Amino acid sequence: MTTRTIPDDDLSRSLTVASPDDPGTTYLSVAGNTYAMLVTGEQTEGRYCLIDMHVPDGGGPPPHRHDFEEMFTVLEGEIEFTFRDEKHVAKAGTTVNIPANAPHRFRNVSGAPARMLCMCTPAGQDEFFRRVGDEVDSQDSPPPRLSDDEVAERRERASALAPAYRTEML
């Protein structure tokens, strides 16, 4: 039997403690949702990222797929996940894992704002959101008022950047 040893502790890496209320948290408005970047790929050497998502009633992204795992834990409300054209409703306390490459989307069907944690592994989605979203002051900030031209520009930017972040809009 082969004995494996794990590498020595990497003392250059530090403990990360994240709260959406921390003054250093970045909040992004992406397609009307507000995302708090809790743990970034930069902090985990690209291993994963963790995003606190505030999704208004009826909100959520368009259908898409990507070549990384995405796991959601619903904290408040009800989220309808469409996975390979099948709908599944996840209530608070439920965790949903989307396998890499599978077509999916989610939508808040609560009748009120919903909240969930999203972990992507490996990281990268956090950077994608930074490049396509608009920074806002807090998780409770309303999305910026965008003109039709600005909304179209955000969609075009997301579509253009998606391949670099291993994502395909469907």
Protein backbone atom coordinates (compact mmCIF):
# COMPACT_ATOMS: atom_id res chain seq x y z
CA MET A 1 0.00 0.00 0.00
CA THR A 2 1.31 3.42 -0.97
CA THR A 3 1.32 6.02 1.76
CA ARG A 4 0.48 9.55 0.67
CA THR A 5 1.52 12.60 2.54
CA ILE A 6 -0.11 15.95 2.27
CA PRO A 7 2.02 19.03 1.56
CA ASP A 8 3.28 21.20 4.39
CA ASP A 9 1.07 24.04 5.55
CA ASP A 10 1.42 27.01 3.20
CA LEU A 11 2.15 29.77 5.69
CA SER A 12 1.81 32.43 2.98
CA ARG A 13 -1.95 31.80 2.94
CA SER A 14 -4.08 33.35 5.67
CA LEU A 15 -7.45 32.68 7.21
CA THR A 16 -10.36 34.33 5.40
CA VAL A 17 -13.36 35.44 7.44
CA ALA A 18 -16.09 36.98 5.28
CA SER A 19 -19.29 38.82 6.07
CA PRO A 20 -21.50 40.71 3.63
CA ASP A 21 -21.38 43.60 6.14
CA ASP A 22 -17.57 43.94 6.08
CA PRO A 23 -16.47 47.40 4.92
CA GLY A 24 -14.16 45.88 2.28
CA THR A 25 -16.88 43.80 0.60
CA THR A 26 -17.49 44.60 -3.06
CA TYR A 27 -21.16 44.72 -4.10
CA LEU A 28 -22.07 44.40 -7.75
CA SER A 29 -25.33 44.92 -9.55
CA VAL A 30 -25.55 42.28 -12.28
CA ALA A 31 -28.73 42.15 -14.39
CA GLY A 32 -30.77 43.65 -11.54
CA ASN A 33 -29.40 41.27 -8.86
CA THR A 34 -26.95 42.38 -6.16
CA TYR A 35 -23.94 40.15 -5.57
CA ALA A 36 -21.59 40.53 -2.59
CA MET A 37 -18.15 39.09 -3.36
CA LEU A 38 -17.46 37.28 -0.07
CA VAL A 39 -14.47 35.10 -0.98
CA THR A 40 -12.67 35.75 -4.24
CA GLY A 41 -10.52 33.57 -6.42
CA GLU A 42 -7.62 35.83 -5.55
CA GLN A 43 -8.03 34.82 -1.89
CA THR A 44 -8.22 31.08 -2.69
CA GLU A 45 -5.52 30.91 -5.37
CA GLY A 46 -8.30 30.26 -7.90
CA ARG A 47 -9.71 27.21 -6.12
CA TYR A 48 -13.22 28.66 -5.63
CA CYS A 49 -15.19 31.83 -5.03
CA LEU A 50 -18.20 32.48 -2.78
CA ILE A 51 -20.87 35.03 -3.69
CA ASP A 52 -23.81 36.22 -1.56
CA MET A 53 -26.64 36.77 -4.06
CA HIS A 54 -29.62 39.03 -3.44
CA VAL A 55 -32.20 38.33 -6.13
CA PRO A 56 -35.36 40.48 -6.48
CA ASP A 57 -38.71 38.83 -7.10
CA GLY A 58 -38.69 37.54 -10.68
CA GLY A 59 -34.93 38.14 -10.98
CA GLY A 60 -32.25 35.78 -12.21
CA PRO A 61 -29.88 35.27 -15.14
CA PRO A 62 -30.74 34.13 -18.66
CA PRO A 63 -30.09 30.48 -19.61
CA HIS A 64 -26.38 29.69 -19.73
CA ARG A 65 -23.79 27.01 -19.08
CA HIS A 66 -20.14 26.93 -18.05
CA ASP A 67 -17.37 24.42 -17.54
CA PHE A 68 -17.13 24.80 -13.75
CA GLU A 69 -19.23 23.55 -10.85
CA GLU A 70 -21.73 25.94 -9.30
CA MET A 71 -23.40 25.25 -5.96
CA PHE A 72 -26.21 27.33 -4.46
CA THR A 73 -27.59 27.32 -0.93
CA VAL A 74 -30.91 29.16 -0.67
CA LEU A 75 -30.95 31.25 2.52
CA GLU A 76 -34.21 33.17 2.06
CA GLY A 77 -37.12 32.77 -0.34
CA GLU A 78 -37.72 30.26 -3.11
CA ILE A 79 -35.63 29.90 -6.25
CA GLU A 80 -36.78 28.00 -9.32
CA PHE A 81 -33.82 26.30 -11.00
CA THR A 82 -34.22 25.17 -14.58
CA PHE A 83 -31.71 22.40 -15.17
CA ARG A 84 -31.60 20.75 -18.59
CA ASP A 85 -35.14 22.10 -19.24
CA GLU A 86 -36.57 20.63 -15.99
CA LYS A 87 -37.81 22.99 -13.27
CA HIS A 88 -36.99 22.42 -9.58
CA VAL A 89 -38.07 24.77 -6.77
CA ALA A 90 -35.57 25.15 -3.93
CA LYS A 91 -36.76 26.65 -0.64
CA ALA A 92 -34.65 28.21 2.12
CA GLY A 93 -32.22 25.65 3.51
CA THR A 94 -31.90 23.74 0.21
CA THR A 95 -28.58 23.29 -1.60
CA VAL A 96 -28.46 22.76 -5.36
CA ASN A 97 -25.33 21.73 -7.27
CA ILE A 98 -25.15 22.44 -11.00
CA PRO A 99 -22.62 20.15 -12.71
CA ALA A 100 -20.14 21.68 -15.13
CA ASN A 101 -21.35 22.13 -18.72
CA ALA A 102 -25.08 21.64 -17.93
CA PRO A 103 -27.53 24.24 -19.29
CA HIS A 104 -29.34 26.02 -16.47
CA ARG A 105 -30.82 29.22 -15.10
CA PHE A 106 -32.51 30.34 -11.90
CA ARG A 107 -35.38 32.67 -11.10
CA ASN A 108 -36.75 34.02 -7.84
CA VAL A 109 -40.36 32.82 -7.53
CA SER A 110 -40.85 33.98 -3.91
CA GLY A 111 -43.01 37.01 -4.41
CA ALA A 112 -40.34 38.79 -2.31
CA PRO A 113 -36.56 39.23 -2.44
CA ALA A 114 -34.53 36.03 -2.10
CA ARG A 115 -30.98 35.38 -0.98
CA MET A 116 -28.55 32.55 -1.61
CA LEU A 117 -24.88 31.71 -1.44
CA CYS A 118 -23.19 30.62 -4.66
CA MET A 119 -19.87 28.78 -4.70
CA CYS A 120 -18.07 28.30 -8.03
CA THR A 121 -15.17 25.94 -8.34
CA PRO A 122 -12.73 26.77 -9.72
CA ALA A 123 -13.05 30.52 -9.29
CA GLY A 124 -13.55 32.93 -12.17
CA GLN A 125 -17.22 33.81 -11.96
CA ASP A 126 -16.35 36.49 -9.40
CA GLU A 127 -14.04 38.16 -11.92
CA PHE A 128 -16.62 37.84 -14.70
CA PHE A 129 -19.20 39.61 -12.50
CA ARG A 130 -16.68 42.37 -11.70
CA ARG A 131 -16.17 42.98 -15.41
CA VAL A 132 -19.86 43.00 -16.41
CA GLY A 133 -21.55 44.42 -13.30
CA ASP A 134 -21.86 47.87 -11.81
CA GLU A 135 -20.44 48.49 -8.35
CA VAL A 136 -23.04 49.61 -5.78
CA ASP A 137 -22.67 50.75 -2.16
CA SER A 138 -24.30 47.86 -0.29
CA GLN A 139 -26.33 44.69 -0.60
CA ASP A 140 -29.46 46.80 -0.10
CA SER A 141 -28.60 49.39 -2.76
CA PRO A 142 -31.01 49.53 -5.68
CA PRO A 143 -29.56 48.66 -9.07
CA PRO A 144 -28.37 51.69 -11.02
CA ARG A 145 -30.90 53.22 -13.37
CA LEU A 146 -29.61 52.33 -16.80
CA SER A 147 -30.82 53.61 -20.14
CA ASP A 148 -31.85 51.10 -22.81
CA ASP A 149 -28.49 51.71 -24.51
CA GLU A 150 -26.61 51.01 -21.26
CA VAL A 151 -28.58 47.78 -20.69
CA ALA A 152 -27.77 46.70 -24.25
CA GLU A 153 -24.09 47.54 -23.69
CA ARG A 154 -23.99 45.39 -20.50
CA ARG A 155 -25.54 42.45 -22.39
CA GLU A 156 -23.08 42.85 -25.27
CA ARG A 157 -20.17 43.06 -22.83
CA ALA A 158 -21.33 39.90 -20.99
CA SER A 159 -21.70 38.01 -24.28
CA ALA A 160 -18.28 39.16 -25.49
CA LEU A 161 -16.51 38.27 -22.21
CA ALA A 162 -18.36 34.99 -21.54
CA PRO A 163 -15.98 32.74 -23.54
CA ALA A 164 -12.95 34.07 -21.65
CA TYR A 165 -14.69 33.01 -18.42
CA ARG A 166 -15.65 29.56 -19.77
CA THR A 167 -19.32 30.55 -20.05
CA GLU A 168 -21.81 30.26 -22.89
CA MET A 169 -25.03 32.28 -22.98
CA LEU A 170 -27.87 30.20 -24.44
